[in-house]
Amino acid sequence: MKLGGIPWLVVGIGVVALVSAILSVPVWMQNRYLDLMKERVDLEKERLSLEAEISKADMEIRQLTSLSRVEPIAKQIGLGFYALPTKVMEIPR
């Protein structure tokens, strides 16, 4: 039997395919959501790791630029804190 020139079998297969596609969308969305949440957790771990690395680098920089660390080196190269500044370059006015 035909339905407007289209066989019933073709219509039946099309309806089954459409229904199965519609019913599989929520499962696909849930799987995608879970994948995104896993990716978010991984990125959060990476962010925390990078923040810890930045914090460690900042602490190291503060230690290296502390006055107690710079003062002996400054005395060796003649940069006293209370000495008169040495003119390095003439600035035209």
PDB file of N, CA and C in Angstrom:
ATOM      1  N   MET A   1       0.825  -1.173   0.000  1.00  0.00           N
ATOM      2  CA  MET A   1       0.000   0.000   0.000  1.00  0.00           C
ATOM      3  C   MET A   1       0.873   1.240   0.000  1.00  0.00           C
ATOM      4  N   LYS A   2       0.412   2.298  -0.637  1.00  0.00           N
ATOM      5  CA  LYS A   2       1.188   3.514  -0.759  1.00  0.00           C
ATOM      6  C   LYS A   2       0.456   4.659  -0.087  1.00  0.00           C
ATOM      7  N   LEU A   3       1.279   5.613   0.437  1.00  0.00           N
ATOM      8  CA  LEU A   3       0.727   6.791   1.093  1.00  0.00           C
ATOM      9  C   LEU A   3       1.142   7.993   0.259  1.00  0.00           C
ATOM     10  N   GLY A   4       0.295   8.418  -0.639  1.00  0.00           N
ATOM     11  CA  GLY A   4       0.599   9.552  -1.503  1.00  0.00           C
ATOM     12  C   GLY A   4       1.791   9.293  -2.404  1.00  0.00           C
ATOM     13  N   GLY A   5       1.986   8.113  -2.858  1.00  0.00           N
ATOM     14  CA  GLY A   5       3.080   7.785  -3.757  1.00  0.00           C
ATOM     15  C   GLY A   5       4.323   7.277  -3.041  1.00  0.00           C
ATOM     16  N   ILE A   6       4.362   7.310  -1.671  1.00  0.00           N
ATOM     17  CA  ILE A   6       5.516   6.828  -0.915  1.00  0.00           C
ATOM     18  C   ILE A   6       5.122   5.520  -0.246  1.00  0.00           C
ATOM     19  N   PRO A   7       5.934   4.482  -0.372  1.00  0.00           N
ATOM     20  CA  PRO A   7       5.594   3.198   0.249  1.00  0.00           C
ATOM     21  C   PRO A   7       5.588   3.300   1.777  1.00  0.00           C
ATOM     22  N   TRP A   8       4.717   2.509   2.404  1.00  0.00           N
ATOM     23  CA  TRP A   8       4.594   2.505   3.868  1.00  0.00           C
ATOM     24  C   TRP A   8       5.908   2.136   4.557  1.00  0.00           C
ATOM     25  N   LEU A   9       6.672   1.284   3.938  1.00  0.00           N
ATOM     26  CA  LEU A   9       7.937   0.841   4.523  1.00  0.00           C
ATOM     27  C   LEU A   9       8.910   2.015   4.662  1.00  0.00           C
ATOM     28  N   VAL A  10       8.991   2.853   3.649  1.00  0.00           N
ATOM     29  CA  VAL A  10       9.888   4.009   3.685  1.00  0.00           C
ATOM     30  C   VAL A  10       9.429   4.986   4.763  1.00  0.00           C
ATOM     31  N   VAL A  11       8.132   5.219   4.847  1.00  0.00           N
ATOM     32  CA  VAL A  11       7.585   6.115   5.867  1.00  0.00           C
ATOM     33  C   VAL A  11       7.860   5.548   7.259  1.00  0.00           C
ATOM     34  N   GLY A  12       7.671   4.247   7.432  1.00  0.00           N
ATOM     35  CA  GLY A  12       7.913   3.599   8.723  1.00  0.00           C
ATOM     36  C   GLY A  12       9.372   3.708   9.137  1.00  0.00           C
ATOM     37  N   ILE A  13      10.283   3.460   8.206  1.00  0.00           N
ATOM     38  CA  ILE A  13      11.712   3.570   8.507  1.00  0.00           C
ATOM     39  C   ILE A  13      12.060   5.017   8.855  1.00  0.00           C
ATOM     40  N   GLY A  14      11.517   5.949   8.138  1.00  0.00           N
ATOM     41  CA  GLY A  14      11.777   7.369   8.417  1.00  0.00           C
ATOM     42  C   GLY A  14      11.277   7.780   9.790  1.00  0.00           C
ATOM     43  N   VAL A  15      10.082   7.314  10.160  1.00  0.00           N
ATOM     44  CA  VAL A  15       9.526   7.642  11.474  1.00  0.00           C
ATOM     45  C   VAL A  15      10.369   7.022  12.582  1.00  0.00           C
ATOM     46  N   VAL A  16      10.769   5.774  12.414  1.00  0.00           N
ATOM     47  CA  VAL A  16      11.611   5.112  13.419  1.00  0.00           C
ATOM     48  C   VAL A  16      12.947   5.836  13.557  1.00  0.00           C
ATOM     49  N   ALA A  17      13.545   6.233  12.441  1.00  0.00           N
ATOM     50  CA  ALA A  17      14.821   6.950  12.491  1.00  0.00           C
ATOM     51  C   ALA A  17      14.663   8.300  13.183  1.00  0.00           C
ATOM     52  N   LEU A  18      13.585   9.005  12.882  1.00  0.00           N
ATOM     53  CA  LEU A  18      13.334  10.310  13.498  1.00  0.00           C
ATOM     54  C   LEU A  18      13.106  10.182  15.000  1.00  0.00           C
ATOM     55  N   VAL A  19      12.311   9.208  15.408  1.00  0.00           N
ATOM     56  CA  VAL A  19      12.035   9.006  16.829  1.00  0.00           C
ATOM     57  C   VAL A  19      13.310   8.607  17.570  1.00  0.00           C
ATOM     58  N   SER A  20      14.096   7.727  16.969  1.00  0.00           N
ATOM     59  CA  SER A  20      15.327   7.311  17.643  1.00  0.00           C
ATOM     60  C   SER A  20      16.308   8.482  17.745  1.00  0.00           C
ATOM     61  N   ALA A  21      16.354   9.347  16.741  1.00  0.00           N
ATOM     62  CA  ALA A  21      17.229  10.528  16.801  1.00  0.00           C
ATOM     63  C   ALA A  21      16.768  11.479  17.893  1.00  0.00           C
ATOM     64  N   ILE A  22      15.463  11.693  17.987  1.00  0.00           N
ATOM     65  CA  ILE A  22      14.930  12.596  19.010  1.00  0.00           C
ATOM     66  C   ILE A  22      15.176  12.039  20.410  1.00  0.00           C
ATOM     67  N   LEU A  23      15.011  10.737  20.568  1.00  0.00           N
ATOM     68  CA  LEU A  23      15.212  10.136  21.892  1.00  0.00           C
ATOM     69  C   LEU A  23      16.687  10.039  22.280  1.00  0.00           C
ATOM     70  N   SER A  24      17.587  10.060  21.321  1.00  0.00           N
ATOM     71  CA  SER A  24      19.009   9.965  21.654  1.00  0.00           C
ATOM     72  C   SER A  24      19.628  11.327  21.983  1.00  0.00           C
ATOM     73  N   VAL A  25      18.948  12.423  21.682  1.00  0.00           N
ATOM     74  CA  VAL A  25      19.483  13.759  21.958  1.00  0.00           C
ATOM     75  C   VAL A  25      19.745  13.972  23.451  1.00  0.00           C
ATOM     76  N   PRO A  26      18.838  13.635  24.370  1.00  0.00           N
ATOM     77  CA  PRO A  26      19.142  13.851  25.794  1.00  0.00           C
ATOM     78  C   PRO A  26      20.352  13.048  26.282  1.00  0.00           C
ATOM     79  N   VAL A  27      20.519  11.843  25.783  1.00  0.00           N
ATOM     80  CA  VAL A  27      21.676  11.034  26.173  1.00  0.00           C
ATOM     81  C   VAL A  27      22.957  11.679  25.664  1.00  0.00           C
ATOM     82  N   TRP A  28      22.929  12.141  24.416  1.00  0.00           N
ATOM     83  CA  TRP A  28      24.094  12.829  23.851  1.00  0.00           C
ATOM     84  C   TRP A  28      24.411  14.090  24.641  1.00  0.00           C
ATOM     85  N   MET A  29      23.385  14.854  25.005  1.00  0.00           N
ATOM     86  CA  MET A  29      23.602  16.088  25.765  1.00  0.00           C
ATOM     87  C   MET A  29      24.189  15.790  27.144  1.00  0.00           C
ATOM     88  N   GLN A  30      23.716  14.736  27.794  1.00  0.00           N
ATOM     89  CA  GLN A  30      24.248  14.375  29.101  1.00  0.00           C
ATOM     90  C   GLN A  30      25.715  13.950  28.988  1.00  0.00           C
ATOM     91  N   ASN A  31      26.041  13.164  27.981  1.00  0.00           N
ATOM     92  CA  ASN A  31      27.433  12.757  27.772  1.00  0.00           C
ATOM     93  C   ASN A  31      28.317  13.961  27.482  1.00  0.00           C
ATOM     94  N   ARG A  32      27.833  14.881  26.688  1.00  0.00           N
ATOM     95  CA  ARG A  32      28.592  16.097  26.371  1.00  0.00           C
ATOM     96  C   ARG A  32      28.793  16.936  27.633  1.00  0.00           C
ATOM     97  N   TYR A  33      27.762  17.049  28.454  1.00  0.00           N
ATOM     98  CA  TYR A  33      27.859  17.802  29.708  1.00  0.00           C
ATOM     99  C   TYR A  33      28.918  17.181  30.618  1.00  0.00           C
ATOM    100  N   LEU A  34      28.928  15.868  30.726  1.00  0.00           N
ATOM    101  CA  LEU A  34      29.920  15.196  31.560  1.00  0.00           C
ATOM    102  C   LEU A  34      31.334  15.412  31.028  1.00  0.00           C
ATOM    103  N   ASP A  35      31.485  15.360  29.709  1.00  0.00           N
ATOM    104  CA  ASP A  35      32.798  15.623  29.115  1.00  0.00           C
ATOM    105  C   ASP A  35      33.256  17.049  29.416  1.00  0.00           C
ATOM    106  N   LEU A  36      32.343  17.996  29.316  1.00  0.00           N
ATOM    107  CA  LEU A  36      32.689  19.387  29.612  1.00  0.00           C
ATOM    108  C   LEU A  36      33.058  19.573  31.087  1.00  0.00           C
ATOM    109  N   MET A  37      32.369  18.887  31.970  1.00  0.00           N
ATOM    110  CA  MET A  37      32.684  19.004  33.395  1.00  0.00           C
ATOM    111  C   MET A  37      34.056  18.398  33.705  1.00  0.00           C
ATOM    112  N   LYS A  38      34.382  17.276  33.055  1.00  0.00           N
ATOM    113  CA  LYS A  38      35.716  16.686  33.235  1.00  0.00           C
ATOM    114  C   LYS A  38      36.788  17.641  32.731  1.00  0.00           C
ATOM    115  N   GLU A  39      36.532  18.252  31.587  1.00  0.00           N
ATOM    116  CA  GLU A  39      37.486  19.216  31.028  1.00  0.00           C
ATOM    117  C   GLU A  39      37.626  20.428  31.955  1.00  0.00           C
ATOM    118  N   ARG A  40      36.524  20.851  32.544  1.00  0.00           N
ATOM    119  CA  ARG A  40      36.565  21.982  33.479  1.00  0.00           C
ATOM    120  C   ARG A  40      37.419  21.641  34.698  1.00  0.00           C
ATOM    121  N   VAL A  41      37.265  20.447  35.225  1.00  0.00           N
ATOM    122  CA  VAL A  41      38.059  20.029  36.389  1.00  0.00           C
ATOM    123  C   VAL A  41      39.540  19.999  36.028  1.00  0.00           C
ATOM    124  N   ASP A  42      39.859  19.471  34.851  1.00  0.00           N
ATOM    125  CA  ASP A  42      41.258  19.425  34.410  1.00  0.00           C
ATOM    126  C   ASP A  42      41.830  20.835  34.268  1.00  0.00           C
ATOM    127  N   LEU A  43      41.049  21.733  33.680  1.00  0.00           N
ATOM    128  CA  LEU A  43      41.514  23.110  33.516  1.00  0.00           C
ATOM    129  C   LEU A  43      41.667  23.806  34.863  1.00  0.00           C
ATOM    130  N   GLU A  44      40.782  23.505  35.804  1.00  0.00           N
ATOM    131  CA  GLU A  44      40.880  24.086  37.144  1.00  0.00           C
ATOM    132  C   GLU A  44      42.160  23.615  37.835  1.00  0.00           C
ATOM    133  N   LYS A  45      42.485  22.327  37.692  1.00  0.00           N
ATOM    134  CA  LYS A  45      43.733  21.811  38.262  1.00  0.00           C
ATOM    135  C   LYS A  45      44.935  22.513  37.636  1.00  0.00           C
ATOM    136  N   GLU A  46      44.897  22.679  36.326  1.00  0.00           N
ATOM    137  CA  GLU A  46      46.002  23.349  35.635  1.00  0.00           C
ATOM    138  C   GLU A  46      46.117  24.806  36.088  1.00  0.00           C
ATOM    139  N   ARG A  47      44.973  25.472  36.253  1.00  0.00           N
ATOM    140  CA  ARG A  47      44.979  26.867  36.704  1.00  0.00           C
ATOM    141  C   ARG A  47      45.587  26.982  38.095  1.00  0.00           C
ATOM    142  N   LEU A  48      45.191  26.094  38.997  1.00  0.00           N
ATOM    143  CA  LEU A  48      45.734  26.120  40.352  1.00  0.00           C
ATOM    144  C   LEU A  48      47.237  25.845  40.351  1.00  0.00           C
ATOM    145  N   SER A  49      47.656  24.935  39.494  1.00  0.00           N
ATOM    146  CA  SER A  49      49.081  24.638  39.379  1.00  0.00           C
ATOM    147  C   SER A  49      49.851  25.857  38.878  1.00  0.00           C
ATOM    148  N   LEU A  50      49.317  26.531  37.875  1.00  0.00           N
ATOM    149  CA  LEU A  50      49.977  27.719  37.342  1.00  0.00           C
ATOM    150  C   LEU A  50      49.983  28.857  38.353  1.00  0.00           C
ATOM    151  N   GLU A  51      48.906  29.005  39.113  1.00  0.00           N
ATOM    152  CA  GLU A  51      48.867  30.042  40.149  1.00  0.00           C
ATOM    153  C   GLU A  51      49.912  29.759  41.227  1.00  0.00           C
ATOM    154  N   ALA A  52      50.072  28.492  41.590  1.00  0.00           N
ATOM    155  CA  ALA A  52      51.091  28.129  42.578  1.00  0.00           C
ATOM    156  C   ALA A  52      52.486  28.425  42.038  1.00  0.00           C
ATOM    157  N   GLU A  53      52.697  28.150  40.766  1.00  0.00           N
ATOM    158  CA  GLU A  53      53.984  28.426  40.135  1.00  0.00           C
ATOM    159  C   GLU A  53      54.267  29.931  40.107  1.00  0.00           C
ATOM    160  N   ILE A  54      53.244  30.723  39.795  1.00  0.00           N
ATOM    161  CA  ILE A  54      53.398  32.181  39.790  1.00  0.00           C
ATOM    162  C   ILE A  54      53.701  32.686  41.187  1.00  0.00           C
ATOM    163  N   SER A  55      53.000  32.164  42.172  1.00  0.00           N
ATOM    164  CA  SER A  55      53.237  32.568  43.556  1.00  0.00           C
ATOM    165  C   SER A  55      54.659  32.231  43.991  1.00  0.00           C
ATOM    166  N   LYS A  56      55.124  31.071  43.609  1.00  0.00           N
ATOM    167  CA  LYS A  56      56.494  30.658  43.944  1.00  0.00           C
ATOM    168  C   LYS A  56      57.507  31.581  43.271  1.00  0.00           C
ATOM    169  N   ALA A  57      57.269  31.929  42.013  1.00  0.00           N
ATOM    170  CA  ALA A  57      58.170  32.831  41.295  1.00  0.00           C
ATOM    171  C   ALA A  57      58.160  34.222  41.926  1.00  0.00           C
ATOM    172  N   ASP A  58      56.992  34.712  42.336  1.00  0.00           N
ATOM    173  CA  ASP A  58      56.906  36.017  43.005  1.00  0.00           C
ATOM    174  C   ASP A  58      57.690  36.016  44.309  1.00  0.00           C
ATOM    175  N   MET A  59      57.575  34.939  45.062  1.00  0.00           N
ATOM    176  CA  MET A  59      58.308  34.844  46.317  1.00  0.00           C
ATOM    177  C   MET A  59      59.816  34.844  46.065  1.00  0.00           C
ATOM    178  N   GLU A  60      60.244  34.124  45.043  1.00  0.00           N
ATOM    179  CA  GLU A  60      61.660  34.075  44.702  1.00  0.00           C
ATOM    180  C   GLU A  60      62.157  35.451  44.270  1.00  0.00           C
ATOM    181  N   ILE A  61      61.342  36.168  43.488  1.00  0.00           N
ATOM    182  CA  ILE A  61      61.713  37.516  43.048  1.00  0.00           C
ATOM    183  C   ILE A  61      61.833  38.446  44.242  1.00  0.00           C
ATOM    184  N   ARG A  62      60.880  38.370  45.175  1.00  0.00           N
ATOM    185  CA  ARG A  62      60.942  39.213  46.378  1.00  0.00           C
ATOM    186  C   ARG A  62      62.197  38.921  47.191  1.00  0.00           C
ATOM    187  N   GLN A  63      62.563  37.649  47.272  1.00  0.00           N
ATOM    188  CA  GLN A  63      63.769  37.295  48.023  1.00  0.00           C
ATOM    189  C   GLN A  63      65.020  37.821  47.323  1.00  0.00           C
ATOM    190  N   LEU A  64      65.047  37.714  45.996  1.00  0.00           N
ATOM    191  CA  LEU A  64      66.221  38.154  45.251  1.00  0.00           C
ATOM    192  C   LEU A  64      66.365  39.675  45.236  1.00  0.00           C
ATOM    193  N   THR A  65      65.268  40.388  45.305  1.00  0.00           N
ATOM    194  CA  THR A  65      65.329  41.848  45.269  1.00  0.00           C
ATOM    195  C   THR A  65      65.241  42.473  46.649  1.00  0.00           C
ATOM    196  N   SER A  66      65.310  41.667  47.676  1.00  0.00           N
ATOM    197  CA  SER A  66      65.248  42.235  49.030  1.00  0.00           C
ATOM    198  C   SER A  66      66.496  43.060  49.295  1.00  0.00           C
ATOM    199  N   LEU A  67      66.359  44.035  50.172  1.00  0.00           N
ATOM    200  CA  LEU A  67      67.444  44.962  50.472  1.00  0.00           C
ATOM    201  C   LEU A  67      68.653  44.238  51.033  1.00  0.00           C
ATOM    202  N   SER A  68      68.439  43.239  51.857  1.00  0.00           N
ATOM    203  CA  SER A  68      69.566  42.519  52.452  1.00  0.00           C
ATOM    204  C   SER A  68      70.350  41.739  51.395  1.00  0.00           C
ATOM    205  N   ARG A  69      69.718  41.386  50.321  1.00  0.00           N
ATOM    206  CA  ARG A  69      70.394  40.642  49.250  1.00  0.00           C
ATOM    207  C   ARG A  69      71.107  41.592  48.288  1.00  0.00           C
ATOM    208  N   VAL A  70      70.528  42.770  48.058  1.00  0.00           N
ATOM    209  CA  VAL A  70      71.067  43.712  47.084  1.00  0.00           C
ATOM    210  C   VAL A  70      72.188  44.560  47.684  1.00  0.00           C
ATOM    211  N   GLU A  71      72.117  44.834  48.971  1.00  0.00           N
ATOM    212  CA  GLU A  71      73.065  45.751  49.600  1.00  0.00           C
ATOM    213  C   GLU A  71      74.531  45.332  49.446  1.00  0.00           C
ATOM    214  N   PRO A  72      74.907  44.070  49.694  1.00  0.00           N
ATOM    215  CA  PRO A  72      76.321  43.704  49.514  1.00  0.00           C
ATOM    216  C   PRO A  72      76.790  43.852  48.058  1.00  0.00           C
ATOM    217  N   ILE A  73      75.949  43.534  47.128  1.00  0.00           N
ATOM    218  CA  ILE A  73      76.312  43.655  45.714  1.00  0.00           C
ATOM    219  C   ILE A  73      76.457  45.127  45.342  1.00  0.00           C
ATOM    220  N   ALA A  74      75.582  45.966  45.861  1.00  0.00           N
ATOM    221  CA  ALA A  74      75.635  47.395  45.560  1.00  0.00           C
ATOM    222  C   ALA A  74      76.932  48.006  46.077  1.00  0.00           C
ATOM    223  N   LYS A  75      77.395  47.594  47.249  1.00  0.00           N
ATOM    224  CA  LYS A  75      78.645  48.115  47.799  1.00  0.00           C
ATOM    225  C   LYS A  75      79.831  47.686  46.936  1.00  0.00           C
ATOM    226  N   GLN A  76      79.789  46.470  46.412  1.00  0.00           N
ATOM    227  CA  GLN A  76      80.888  45.967  45.591  1.00  0.00           C
ATOM    228  C   GLN A  76      81.033  46.754  44.293  1.00  0.00           C
ATOM    229  N   ILE A  77      79.919  47.159  43.692  1.00  0.00           N
ATOM    230  CA  ILE A  77      80.000  47.874  42.412  1.00  0.00           C
ATOM    231  C   ILE A  77      79.917  49.383  42.590  1.00  0.00           C
ATOM    232  N   GLY A  78      79.958  49.839  43.839  1.00  0.00           N
ATOM    233  CA  GLY A  78      80.023  51.267  44.109  1.00  0.00           C
ATOM    234  C   GLY A  78      78.698  51.987  44.071  1.00  0.00           C
ATOM    235  N   LEU A  79      77.637  51.308  44.363  1.00  0.00           N
ATOM    236  CA  LEU A  79      76.320  51.945  44.416  1.00  0.00           C
ATOM    237  C   LEU A  79      75.870  52.056  45.865  1.00  0.00           C
ATOM    238  N   GLY A  80      76.388  53.028  46.567  1.00  0.00           N
ATOM    239  CA  GLY A  80      75.991  53.213  47.951  1.00  0.00           C
ATOM    240  C   GLY A  80      74.621  53.861  48.026  1.00  0.00           C
ATOM    241  N   PHE A  81      73.904  53.611  49.095  1.00  0.00           N
ATOM    242  CA  PHE A  81      72.566  54.179  49.236  1.00  0.00           C
ATOM    243  C   PHE A  81      72.612  55.674  49.510  1.00  0.00           C
ATOM    244  N   TYR A  82      73.663  56.136  50.172  1.00  0.00           N
ATOM    245  CA  TYR A  82      73.729  57.543  50.547  1.00  0.00           C
ATOM    246  C   TYR A  82      74.767  58.300  49.730  1.00  0.00           C
ATOM    247  N   ALA A  83      75.352  57.683  48.736  1.00  0.00           N
ATOM    248  CA  ALA A  83      76.343  58.341  47.891  1.00  0.00           C
ATOM    249  C   ALA A  83      75.643  59.230  46.877  1.00  0.00           C
ATOM    250  N   LEU A  84      76.384  60.201  46.373  1.00  0.00           N
ATOM    251  CA  LEU A  84      75.819  61.070  45.352  1.00  0.00           C
ATOM    252  C   LEU A  84      75.627  60.276  44.069  1.00  0.00           C
ATOM    253  N   PRO A  85      74.564  60.554  43.348  1.00  0.00           N
ATOM    254  CA  PRO A  85      74.327  59.810  42.109  1.00  0.00           C
ATOM    255  C   PRO A  85      75.358  60.172  41.042  1.00  0.00           C
ATOM    256  N   THR A  86      75.683  59.192  40.237  1.00  0.00           N
ATOM    257  CA  THR A  86      76.623  59.381  39.140  1.00  0.00           C
ATOM    258  C   THR A  86      75.832  59.665  37.876  1.00  0.00           C
ATOM    259  N   LYS A  87      76.228  60.729  37.179  1.00  0.00           N
ATOM    260  CA  LYS A  87      75.513  61.099  35.963  1.00  0.00           C
ATOM    261  C   LYS A  87      75.924  60.127  34.866  1.00  0.00           C
ATOM    262  N   VAL A  88      74.989  59.471  34.286  1.00  0.00           N
ATOM    263  CA  VAL A  88      75.259  58.471  33.273  1.00  0.00           C
ATOM    264  C   VAL A  88      75.162  59.066  31.874  1.00  0.00           C
ATOM    265  N   MET A  89      74.181  59.902  31.640  1.00  0.00           N
ATOM    266  CA  MET A  89      73.975  60.474  30.324  1.00  0.00           C
ATOM    267  C   MET A  89      73.475  61.902  30.472  1.00  0.00           C
ATOM    268  N   GLU A  90      73.982  62.772  29.654  1.00  0.00           N
ATOM    269  CA  GLU A  90      73.569  64.169  29.682  1.00  0.00           C
ATOM    270  C   GLU A  90      72.227  64.285  28.988  1.00  0.00           C
ATOM    271  N   ILE A  91      71.292  64.929  29.632  1.00  0.00           N
ATOM    272  CA  ILE A  91      69.949  65.101  29.056  1.00  0.00           C
ATOM    273  C   ILE A  91      69.827  66.557  28.617  1.00  0.00           C
ATOM    274  N   PRO A  92      69.632  66.811  27.322  1.00  0.00           N
ATOM    275  CA  PRO A  92      69.492  68.193  26.854  1.00  0.00           C
ATOM    276  C   PRO A  92      68.178  68.801  27.323  1.00  0.00           C
ATOM    277  N   ARG A  93      68.230  70.083  27.620  1.00  0.00           N
ATOM    278  CA  ARG A  93      66.998  70.762  28.084  1.00  0.00           C
ATOM    279  C   ARG A  93      66.560  71.802  27.097  1.00  0.00           C
TER     280      ARG A  93
END
